[in-house]
PDB file of N, CA and C in Angstrom:
ATOM      1  N   MET A   1      -8.356-163.850  27.494  1.00  0.00           N
ATOM      2  CA  MET A   1      -8.523-162.422  27.367  1.00  0.00           C
ATOM      3  C   MET A   1      -8.319-161.742  28.708  1.00  0.00           C
ATOM      4  N   SER A   2      -7.671-160.638  28.672  1.00  0.00           N
ATOM      5  CA  SER A   2      -7.489-159.887  29.910  1.00  0.00           C
ATOM      6  C   SER A   2      -8.728-159.048  30.195  1.00  0.00           C
ATOM      7  N   LEU A   3      -8.774-158.508  31.373  1.00  0.00           N
ATOM      8  CA  LEU A   3      -9.904-157.675  31.786  1.00  0.00           C
ATOM      9  C   LEU A   3     -10.014-156.449  30.898  1.00  0.00           C
ATOM     10  N   GLN A   4      -8.853-155.882  30.518  1.00  0.00           N
ATOM     11  CA  GLN A   4      -8.860-154.697  29.667  1.00  0.00           C
ATOM     12  C   GLN A   4      -9.425-155.030  28.269  1.00  0.00           C
ATOM     13  N   GLN A   5      -9.072-156.198  27.733  1.00  0.00           N
ATOM     14  CA  GLN A   5      -9.592-156.610  26.440  1.00  0.00           C
ATOM     15  C   GLN A   5     -11.104-156.821  26.515  1.00  0.00           C
ATOM     16  N   ASN A   6     -11.583-157.423  27.614  1.00  0.00           N
ATOM     17  CA  ASN A   6     -13.024-157.616  27.784  1.00  0.00           C
ATOM     18  C   ASN A   6     -13.744-156.288  27.841  1.00  0.00           C
ATOM     19  N   ALA A   7     -13.169-155.321  28.567  1.00  0.00           N
ATOM     20  CA  ALA A   7     -13.778-153.984  28.671  1.00  0.00           C
ATOM     21  C   ALA A   7     -13.797-153.336  27.293  1.00  0.00           C
ATOM     22  N   GLY A   8     -12.711-153.473  26.537  1.00  0.00           N
ATOM     23  CA  GLY A   8     -12.677-152.886  25.186  1.00  0.00           C
ATOM     24  C   GLY A   8     -13.708-153.511  24.271  1.00  0.00           C
ATOM     25  N   LEU A   9     -13.856-154.826  24.344  1.00  0.00           N
ATOM     26  CA  LEU A   9     -14.847-155.528  23.523  1.00  0.00           C
ATOM     27  C   LEU A   9     -16.258-155.120  23.929  1.00  0.00           C
ATOM     28  N   ALA A  10     -16.481-154.981  25.241  1.00  0.00           N
ATOM     29  CA  ALA A  10     -17.800-154.566  25.720  1.00  0.00           C
ATOM     30  C   ALA A  10     -18.124-153.149  25.240  1.00  0.00           C
ATOM     31  N   ASP A  11     -17.127-152.270  25.254  1.00  0.00           N
ATOM     32  CA  ASP A  11     -17.350-150.905  24.774  1.00  0.00           C
ATOM     33  C   ASP A  11     -17.689-150.877  23.293  1.00  0.00           C
ATOM     34  N   ILE A  12     -16.971-151.676  22.521  1.00  0.00           N
ATOM     35  CA  ILE A  12     -17.220-151.754  21.073  1.00  0.00           C
ATOM     36  C   ILE A  12     -18.623-152.291  20.816  1.00  0.00           C
ATOM     37  N   LEU A  13     -18.993-153.352  21.510  1.00  0.00           N
ATOM     38  CA  LEU A  13     -20.333-153.932  21.326  1.00  0.00           C
ATOM     39  C   LEU A  13     -21.406-152.943  21.736  1.00  0.00           C
ATOM     40  N   GLU A  14     -21.206-152.242  22.847  1.00  0.00           N
ATOM     41  CA  GLU A  14     -22.182-151.231  23.277  1.00  0.00           C
ATOM     42  C   GLU A  14     -22.346-150.134  22.250  1.00  0.00           C
ATOM     43  N   ARG A  15     -21.244-149.679  21.672  1.00  0.00           N
ATOM     44  CA  ARG A  15     -21.296-148.625  20.660  1.00  0.00           C
ATOM     45  C   ARG A  15     -22.026-149.115  19.398  1.00  0.00           C
ATOM     46  N   ILE A  16     -21.737-150.350  18.972  1.00  0.00           N
ATOM     47  CA  ILE A  16     -22.406-150.897  17.795  1.00  0.00           C
ATOM     48  C   ILE A  16     -23.901-151.010  18.028  1.00  0.00           C
ATOM     49  N   LEU A  17     -24.291-151.531  19.192  1.00  0.00           N
ATOM     50  CA  LEU A  17     -25.704-151.688  19.479  1.00  0.00           C
ATOM     51  C   LEU A  17     -26.398-150.346  19.637  1.00  0.00           C
ATOM     52  N   ASP A  18     -25.700-149.357  20.177  1.00  0.00           N
ATOM     53  CA  ASP A  18     -26.282-148.025  20.377  1.00  0.00           C
ATOM     54  C   ASP A  18     -26.467-147.298  19.050  1.00  0.00           C
ATOM     55  N   LYS A  19     -25.464-147.328  18.204  1.00  0.00           N
ATOM     56  CA  LYS A  19     -25.518-146.613  16.933  1.00  0.00           C
ATOM     57  C   LYS A  19     -26.101-147.460  15.815  1.00  0.00           C
ATOM     58  N   GLY A  20     -25.867-148.754  15.858  1.00  0.00           N
ATOM     59  CA  GLY A  20     -26.294-149.642  14.791  1.00  0.00           C
ATOM     60  C   GLY A  20     -25.225-149.729  13.719  1.00  0.00           C
ATOM     61  N   ILE A  21     -25.221-150.822  13.007  1.00  0.00           N
ATOM     62  CA  ILE A  21     -24.272-151.042  11.913  1.00  0.00           C
ATOM     63  C   ILE A  21     -25.000-151.786  10.807  1.00  0.00           C
ATOM     64  N   VAL A  22     -24.707-151.430   9.585  1.00  0.00           N
ATOM     65  CA  VAL A  22     -25.320-152.087   8.430  1.00  0.00           C
ATOM     66  C   VAL A  22     -24.217-152.709   7.596  1.00  0.00           C
ATOM     67  N   VAL A  23     -24.398-153.972   7.275  1.00  0.00           N
ATOM     68  CA  VAL A  23     -23.456-154.678   6.405  1.00  0.00           C
ATOM     69  C   VAL A  23     -24.266-155.128   5.184  1.00  0.00           C
ATOM     70  N   ALA A  24     -23.794-154.790   4.013  1.00  0.00           N
ATOM     71  CA  ALA A  24     -24.500-155.150   2.791  1.00  0.00           C
ATOM     72  C   ALA A  24     -23.511-155.740   1.800  1.00  0.00           C
ATOM     73  N   GLY A  25     -23.973-156.722   1.060  1.00  0.00           N
ATOM     74  CA  GLY A  25     -23.098-157.318   0.054  1.00  0.00           C
ATOM     75  C   GLY A  25     -23.863-158.216  -0.896  1.00  0.00           C
ATOM     76  N   ASP A  26     -23.295-158.430  -2.045  1.00  0.00           N
ATOM     77  CA  ASP A  26     -23.884-159.306  -3.046  1.00  0.00           C
ATOM     78  C   ASP A  26     -22.865-160.370  -3.429  1.00  0.00           C
ATOM     79  N   ILE A  27     -23.348-161.584  -3.599  1.00  0.00           N
ATOM     80  CA  ILE A  27     -22.508-162.680  -4.067  1.00  0.00           C
ATOM     81  C   ILE A  27     -23.135-163.187  -5.358  1.00  0.00           C
ATOM     82  N   SER A  28     -22.363-163.213  -6.418  1.00  0.00           N
ATOM     83  CA  SER A  28     -22.867-163.696  -7.698  1.00  0.00           C
ATOM     84  C   SER A  28     -22.032-164.860  -8.175  1.00  0.00           C
ATOM     85  N   VAL A  29     -22.693-165.866  -8.727  1.00  0.00           N
ATOM     86  CA  VAL A  29     -22.015-167.020  -9.316  1.00  0.00           C
ATOM     87  C   VAL A  29     -22.346-167.019 -10.799  1.00  0.00           C
ATOM     88  N   SER A  30     -21.312-166.933 -11.612  1.00  0.00           N
ATOM     89  CA  SER A  30     -21.509-166.912 -13.063  1.00  0.00           C
ATOM     90  C   SER A  30     -20.674-168.010 -13.703  1.00  0.00           C
ATOM     91  N   LEU A  31     -21.172-168.505 -14.815  1.00  0.00           N
ATOM     92  CA  LEU A  31     -20.454-169.516 -15.593  1.00  0.00           C
ATOM     93  C   LEU A  31     -20.507-169.097 -17.053  1.00  0.00           C
ATOM     94  N   VAL A  32     -19.374-168.877 -17.657  1.00  0.00           N
ATOM     95  CA  VAL A  32     -19.225-168.451 -19.041  1.00  0.00           C
ATOM     96  C   VAL A  32     -20.090-167.206 -19.303  1.00  0.00           C
ATOM     97  N   GLY A  33     -20.034-166.245 -18.375  1.00  0.00           N
ATOM     98  CA  GLY A  33     -20.743-164.999 -18.558  1.00  0.00           C
ATOM     99  C   GLY A  33     -22.237-165.061 -18.274  1.00  0.00           C
ATOM    100  N   VAL A  34     -22.746-166.210 -17.845  1.00  0.00           N
ATOM    101  CA  VAL A  34     -24.172-166.347 -17.531  1.00  0.00           C
ATOM    102  C   VAL A  34     -24.317-166.411 -16.017  1.00  0.00           C
ATOM    103  N   GLU A  35     -25.061-165.470 -15.486  1.00  0.00           N
ATOM    104  CA  GLU A  35     -25.264-165.440 -14.043  1.00  0.00           C
ATOM    105  C   GLU A  35     -26.194-166.559 -13.627  1.00  0.00           C
ATOM    106  N   LEU A  36     -25.695-167.428 -12.759  1.00  0.00           N
ATOM    107  CA  LEU A  36     -26.473-168.581 -12.311  1.00  0.00           C
ATOM    108  C   LEU A  36     -27.154-168.331 -10.981  1.00  0.00           C
ATOM    109  N   LEU A  37     -26.523-167.560 -10.126  1.00  0.00           N
ATOM    110  CA  LEU A  37     -27.041-167.369  -8.783  1.00  0.00           C
ATOM    111  C   LEU A  37     -26.585-166.035  -8.241  1.00  0.00           C
ATOM    112  N   THR A  38     -27.504-165.325  -7.593  1.00  0.00           N
ATOM    113  CA  THR A  38     -27.159-164.095  -6.892  1.00  0.00           C
ATOM    114  C   THR A  38     -27.741-164.168  -5.495  1.00  0.00           C
ATOM    115  N   VAL A  39     -26.911-163.900  -4.528  1.00  0.00           N
ATOM    116  CA  VAL A  39     -27.351-163.875  -3.130  1.00  0.00           C
ATOM    117  C   VAL A  39     -27.099-162.451  -2.619  1.00  0.00           C
ATOM    118  N   ARG A  40     -28.169-161.811  -2.168  1.00  0.00           N
ATOM    119  CA  ARG A  40     -28.041-160.458  -1.608  1.00  0.00           C
ATOM    120  C   ARG A  40     -28.107-160.575  -0.090  1.00  0.00           C
ATOM    121  N   ILE A  41     -27.124-160.005   0.551  1.00  0.00           N
ATOM    122  CA  ILE A  41     -27.034-160.082   2.005  1.00  0.00           C
ATOM    123  C   ILE A  41     -27.173-158.678   2.565  1.00  0.00           C
ATOM    124  N   ARG A  42     -28.126-158.512   3.459  1.00  0.00           N
ATOM    125  CA  ARG A  42     -28.318-157.235   4.150  1.00  0.00           C
ATOM    126  C   ARG A  42     -28.418-157.571   5.630  1.00  0.00           C
ATOM    127  N   LEU A  43     -27.571-157.025   6.442  1.00  0.00           N
ATOM    128  CA  LEU A  43     -27.533-157.340   7.853  1.00  0.00           C
ATOM    129  C   LEU A  43     -27.509-156.038   8.647  1.00  0.00           C
ATOM    130  N   VAL A  44     -28.435-155.916   9.591  1.00  0.00           N
ATOM    131  CA  VAL A  44     -28.473-154.766  10.483  1.00  0.00           C
ATOM    132  C   VAL A  44     -28.261-155.285  11.899  1.00  0.00           C
ATOM    133  N   VAL A  45     -27.261-154.738  12.571  1.00  0.00           N
ATOM    134  CA  VAL A  45     -27.002-155.104  13.962  1.00  0.00           C
ATOM    135  C   VAL A  45     -27.260-153.856  14.785  1.00  0.00           C
ATOM    136  N   ALA A  46     -28.242-153.960  15.688  1.00  0.00           N
ATOM    137  CA  ALA A  46     -28.582-152.814  16.547  1.00  0.00           C
ATOM    138  C   ALA A  46     -29.350-153.333  17.755  1.00  0.00           C
ATOM    139  N   SER A  47     -29.438-152.517  18.774  1.00  0.00           N
ATOM    140  CA  SER A  47     -30.261-152.866  19.929  1.00  0.00           C
ATOM    141  C   SER A  47     -31.737-152.767  19.514  1.00  0.00           C
ATOM    142  N   VAL A  48     -32.597-153.371  20.300  1.00  0.00           N
ATOM    143  CA  VAL A  48     -34.029-153.312  19.994  1.00  0.00           C
ATOM    144  C   VAL A  48     -34.513-151.875  20.021  1.00  0.00           C
ATOM    145  N   ASP A  49     -34.072-151.097  20.992  1.00  0.00           N
ATOM    146  CA  ASP A  49     -34.491-149.691  21.063  1.00  0.00           C
ATOM    147  C   ASP A  49     -34.073-148.932  19.814  1.00  0.00           C
ATOM    148  N   ARG A  50     -32.845-149.138  19.393  1.00  0.00           N
ATOM    149  CA  ARG A  50     -32.344-148.454  18.181  1.00  0.00           C
ATOM    150  C   ARG A  50     -33.089-148.927  16.945  1.00  0.00           C
ATOM    151  N   ALA A  51     -33.375-150.216  16.859  1.00  0.00           N
ATOM    152  CA  ALA A  51     -34.122-150.741  15.718  1.00  0.00           C
ATOM    153  C   ALA A  51     -35.518-150.109  15.661  1.00  0.00           C
ATOM    154  N   LEU A  52     -36.175-149.969  16.807  1.00  0.00           N
ATOM    155  CA  LEU A  52     -37.488-149.337  16.837  1.00  0.00           C
ATOM    156  C   LEU A  52     -37.416-147.892  16.399  1.00  0.00           C
ATOM    157  N   GLU A  53     -36.359-147.187  16.793  1.00  0.00           N
ATOM    158  CA  GLU A  53     -36.164-145.803  16.341  1.00  0.00           C
ATOM    159  C   GLU A  53     -36.021-145.735  14.825  1.00  0.00           C
ATOM    160  N   MET A  54     -35.389-146.765  14.224  1.00  0.00           N
ATOM    161  CA  MET A  54     -35.194-146.797  12.775  1.00  0.00           C
ATOM    162  C   MET A  54     -36.434-147.301  12.041  1.00  0.00           C
ATOM    163  N   GLY A  55     -37.460-147.713  12.797  1.00  0.00           N
ATOM    164  CA  GLY A  55     -38.683-148.203  12.170  1.00  0.00           C
ATOM    165  C   GLY A  55     -38.633-149.673  11.818  1.00  0.00           C
ATOM    166  N   ILE A  56     -37.668-150.390  12.376  1.00  0.00           N
ATOM    167  CA  ILE A  56     -37.558-151.828  12.114  1.00  0.00           C
ATOM    168  C   ILE A  56     -38.275-152.554  13.237  1.00  0.00           C
ATOM    169  N   ARG A  57     -39.317-153.313  12.891  1.00  0.00           N
ATOM    170  CA  ARG A  57     -40.063-154.050  13.907  1.00  0.00           C
ATOM    171  C   ARG A  57     -40.645-155.340  13.361  1.00  0.00           C
ATOM    172  N   TRP A  58     -39.930-155.992  12.448  1.00  0.00           N
ATOM    173  CA  TRP A  58     -40.438-157.191  11.789  1.00  0.00           C
ATOM    174  C   TRP A  58     -40.710-158.343  12.764  1.00  0.00           C
ATOM    175  N   TRP A  59     -40.003-158.379  13.870  1.00  0.00           N
ATOM    176  CA  TRP A  59     -40.172-159.484  14.819  1.00  0.00           C
ATOM    177  C   TRP A  59     -41.537-159.452  15.496  1.00  0.00           C
ATOM    178  N   GLU A  60     -42.225-158.298  15.466  1.00  0.00           N
ATOM    179  CA  GLU A  60     -43.521-158.197  16.109  1.00  0.00           C
ATOM    180  C   GLU A  60     -44.596-158.969  15.357  1.00  0.00           C
ATOM    181  N   THR A  61     -44.409-159.145  14.051  1.00  0.00           N
ATOM    182  CA  THR A  61     -45.412-159.840  13.241  1.00  0.00           C
ATOM    183  C   THR A  61     -44.972-161.221  12.779  1.00  0.00           C
ATOM    184  N   ASP A  62     -43.763-161.629  13.140  1.00  0.00           N
ATOM    185  CA  ASP A  62     -43.263-162.946  12.745  1.00  0.00           C
ATOM    186  C   ASP A  62     -43.862-163.990  13.693  1.00  0.00           C
ATOM    187  N   PRO A  63     -44.697-164.909  13.174  1.00  0.00           N
ATOM    188  CA  PRO A  63     -45.339-165.889  14.043  1.00  0.00           C
ATOM    189  C   PRO A  63     -44.339-166.768  14.799  1.00  0.00           C
ATOM    190  N   ALA A  64     -43.184-167.005  14.240  1.00  0.00           N
ATOM    191  CA  ALA A  64     -42.199-167.856  14.897  1.00  0.00           C
ATOM    192  C   ALA A  64     -41.578-167.160  16.112  1.00  0.00           C
ATOM    193  N   LEU A  65     -41.628-165.824  16.141  1.00  0.00           N
ATOM    194  CA  LEU A  65     -41.012-165.081  17.237  1.00  0.00           C
ATOM    195  C   LEU A  65     -42.035-164.450  18.172  1.00  0.00           C
ATOM    196  N   SER A  66     -43.292-164.455  17.791  1.00  0.00           N
ATOM    197  CA  SER A  66     -44.314-163.800  18.585  1.00  0.00           C
ATOM    198  C   SER A  66     -44.825-164.713  19.692  1.00  0.00           C
ATOM    199  N   THR A  67     -45.085-164.125  20.839  1.00  0.00           N
ATOM    200  CA  THR A  67     -45.664-164.895  21.949  1.00  0.00           C
ATOM    201  C   THR A  67     -47.192-164.842  21.921  1.00  0.00           C
ATOM    202  N   ARG A  68     -47.723-163.994  21.026  1.00  0.00           N
ATOM    203  CA  ARG A  68     -49.173-163.899  20.893  1.00  0.00           C
ATOM    204  C   ARG A  68     -49.700-165.151  20.210  1.00  0.00           C
ATOM    205  N   PRO A  69     -50.849-165.667  20.636  1.00  0.00           N
ATOM    206  CA  PRO A  69     -51.412-166.843  19.985  1.00  0.00           C
ATOM    207  C   PRO A  69     -51.784-166.511  18.540  1.00  0.00           C
ATOM    208  N   GLN A  70     -51.470-167.414  17.646  1.00  0.00           N
ATOM    209  CA  GLN A  70     -51.782-167.211  16.238  1.00  0.00           C
ATOM    210  C   GLN A  70     -53.192-167.710  15.936  1.00  0.00           C
ATOM    211  N   PRO A  71     -53.909-166.987  15.108  1.00  0.00           N
ATOM    212  CA  PRO A  71     -55.269-167.407  14.804  1.00  0.00           C
ATOM    213  C   PRO A  71     -55.288-168.739  14.053  1.00  0.00           C
ATOM    214  N   ASP A  72     -56.284-169.529  14.373  1.00  0.00           N
ATOM    215  CA  ASP A  72     -56.457-170.819  13.712  1.00  0.00           C
ATOM    216  C   ASP A  72     -57.114-170.569  12.358  1.00  0.00           C
ATOM    217  N   THR A  73     -56.482-170.968  11.285  1.00  0.00           N
ATOM    218  CA  THR A  73     -56.992-170.711   9.945  1.00  0.00           C
ATOM    219  C   THR A  73     -58.351-171.344   9.727  1.00  0.00           C
ATOM    220  N   ALA A  74     -58.533-172.572  10.187  1.00  0.00           N
ATOM    221  CA  ALA A  74     -59.819-173.250  10.006  1.00  0.00           C
ATOM    222  C   ALA A  74     -60.946-172.493  10.717  1.00  0.00           C
ATOM    223  N   ALA A  75     -60.667-172.005  11.929  1.00  0.00           N
ATOM    224  CA  ALA A  75     -61.669-171.254  12.678  1.00  0.00           C
ATOM    225  C   ALA A  75     -62.009-169.953  11.960  1.00  0.00           C
ATOM    226  N   LEU A  76     -60.998-169.288  11.394  1.00  0.00           N
ATOM    227  CA  LEU A  76     -61.254-168.056  10.658  1.00  0.00           C
ATOM    228  C   LEU A  76     -62.087-168.312   9.401  1.00  0.00           C
ATOM    229  N   LEU A  77     -61.773-169.374   8.682  1.00  0.00           N
ATOM    230  CA  LEU A  77     -62.553-169.700   7.479  1.00  0.00           C
ATOM    231  C   LEU A  77     -64.008-170.026   7.833  1.00  0.00           C
ATOM    232  N   GLU A  78     -64.193-170.731   8.931  1.00  0.00           N
ATOM    233  CA  GLU A  78     -65.544-171.052   9.380  1.00  0.00           C
ATOM    234  C   GLU A  78     -66.302-169.769   9.752  1.00  0.00           C
ATOM    235  N   ARG A  79     -65.626-168.858  10.423  1.00  0.00           N
ATOM    236  CA  ARG A  79     -66.258-167.591  10.801  1.00  0.00           C
ATOM    237  C   ARG A  79     -66.635-166.771   9.580  1.00  0.00           C
ATOM    238  N   VAL A  80     -65.762-166.730   8.585  1.00  0.00           N
ATOM    239  CA  VAL A  80     -66.060-165.998   7.348  1.00  0.00           C
ATOM    240  C   VAL A  80     -67.265-166.612   6.656  1.00  0.00           C
ATOM    241  N   ALA A  81     -67.345-167.933   6.593  1.00  0.00           N
ATOM    242  CA  ALA A  81     -68.471-168.596   5.964  1.00  0.00           C
ATOM    243  C   ALA A  81     -69.779-168.252   6.691  1.00  0.00           C
ATOM    244  N   ARG A  82     -69.749-168.244   8.031  1.00  0.00           N
ATOM    245  CA  ARG A  82     -70.960-167.883   8.791  1.00  0.00           C
ATOM    246  C   ARG A  82     -71.360-166.444   8.536  1.00  0.00           C
ATOM    247  N   LEU A  83     -70.398-165.534   8.487  1.00  0.00           N
ATOM    248  CA  LEU A  83     -70.703-164.152   8.225  1.00  0.00           C
ATOM    249  C   LEU A  83     -71.264-163.938   6.815  1.00  0.00           C
ATOM    250  N   GLU A  84     -70.686-164.637   5.838  1.00  0.00           N
ATOM    251  CA  GLU A  84     -71.205-164.542   4.464  1.00  0.00           C
ATOM    252  C   GLU A  84     -72.625-165.067   4.399  1.00  0.00           C
ATOM    253  N   HIS A  85     -72.890-166.160   5.096  1.00  0.00           N
ATOM    254  CA  HIS A  85     -74.238-166.756   5.111  1.00  0.00           C
ATOM    255  C   HIS A  85     -75.222-165.785   5.762  1.00  0.00           C
ATOM    256  N   ALA A  86     -74.824-165.174   6.878  1.00  0.00           N
ATOM    257  CA  ALA A  86     -75.695-164.210   7.572  1.00  0.00           C
ATOM    258  C   ALA A  86     -75.939-162.991   6.709  1.00  0.00           C
ATOM    259  N   LEU A  87     -74.931-162.514   6.018  1.00  0.00           N
ATOM    260  CA  LEU A  87     -75.064-161.357   5.131  1.00  0.00           C
ATOM    261  C   LEU A  87     -76.008-161.687   3.976  1.00  0.00           C
ATOM    262  N   ALA A  88     -75.830-162.870   3.391  1.00  0.00           N
ATOM    263  CA  ALA A  88     -76.688-163.282   2.292  1.00  0.00           C
ATOM    264  C   ALA A  88     -78.140-163.389   2.746  1.00  0.00           C
ATOM    265  N   ALA A  89     -78.362-163.915   3.949  1.00  0.00           N
ATOM    266  CA  ALA A  89     -79.726-164.043   4.470  1.00  0.00           C
ATOM    267  C   ALA A  89     -80.330-162.662   4.732  1.00  0.00           C
ATOM    268  N   ALA A  90     -79.535-161.736   5.205  1.00  0.00           N
ATOM    269  CA  ALA A  90     -80.027-160.382   5.521  1.00  0.00           C
ATOM    270  C   ALA A  90     -80.337-159.586   4.260  1.00  0.00           C
ATOM    271  N   THR A  91     -79.598-159.801   3.199  1.00  0.00           N
ATOM    272  CA  THR A  91     -79.815-159.039   1.958  1.00  0.00           C
ATOM    273  C   THR A  91     -80.673-159.765   0.951  1.00  0.00           C
ATOM    274  N   GLY A  92     -80.970-161.021   1.206  1.00  0.00           N
ATOM    275  CA  GLY A  92     -81.773-161.807   0.262  1.00  0.00           C
ATOM    276  C   GLY A  92     -80.986-162.331  -0.909  1.00  0.00           C
ATOM    277  N   ALA A  93     -79.667-162.200  -0.864  1.00  0.00           N
ATOM    278  CA  ALA A  93     -78.813-162.697  -1.957  1.00  0.00           C
ATOM    279  C   ALA A  93     -78.587-164.192  -1.761  1.00  0.00           C
ATOM    280  N   PRO A  94     -78.309-164.920  -2.852  1.00  0.00           N
ATOM    281  CA  PRO A  94     -78.041-166.349  -2.703  1.00  0.00           C
ATOM    282  C   PRO A  94     -76.726-166.561  -1.953  1.00  0.00           C
ATOM    283  N   ALA A  95     -76.710-167.600  -1.102  1.00  0.00           N
ATOM    284  CA  ALA A  95     -75.517-167.880  -0.288  1.00  0.00           C
ATOM    285  C   ALA A  95     -74.472-168.633  -1.041  1.00  0.00           C
TER     286      ALA A  95
END
């Protein structure tokens, strides 16, 4: 690629990330008129800033992408049990 082609590609990529682009499509597999499989594809390509402007922020709550420590389920269940026991003792209800 020449320098001019690289600059053109960079400009196109910058414009796509700045404005965002949505690609949507459906793929259906049918046999003798019976639909066997449908795959819906929705793809949004945008910069993080643009995605936030659009209200897209799914990566913030995805445990696989988050750097925040995830709560330990066993510890949470134990805490809930202790709270329920304390509540039952305070109200006189059976635990």
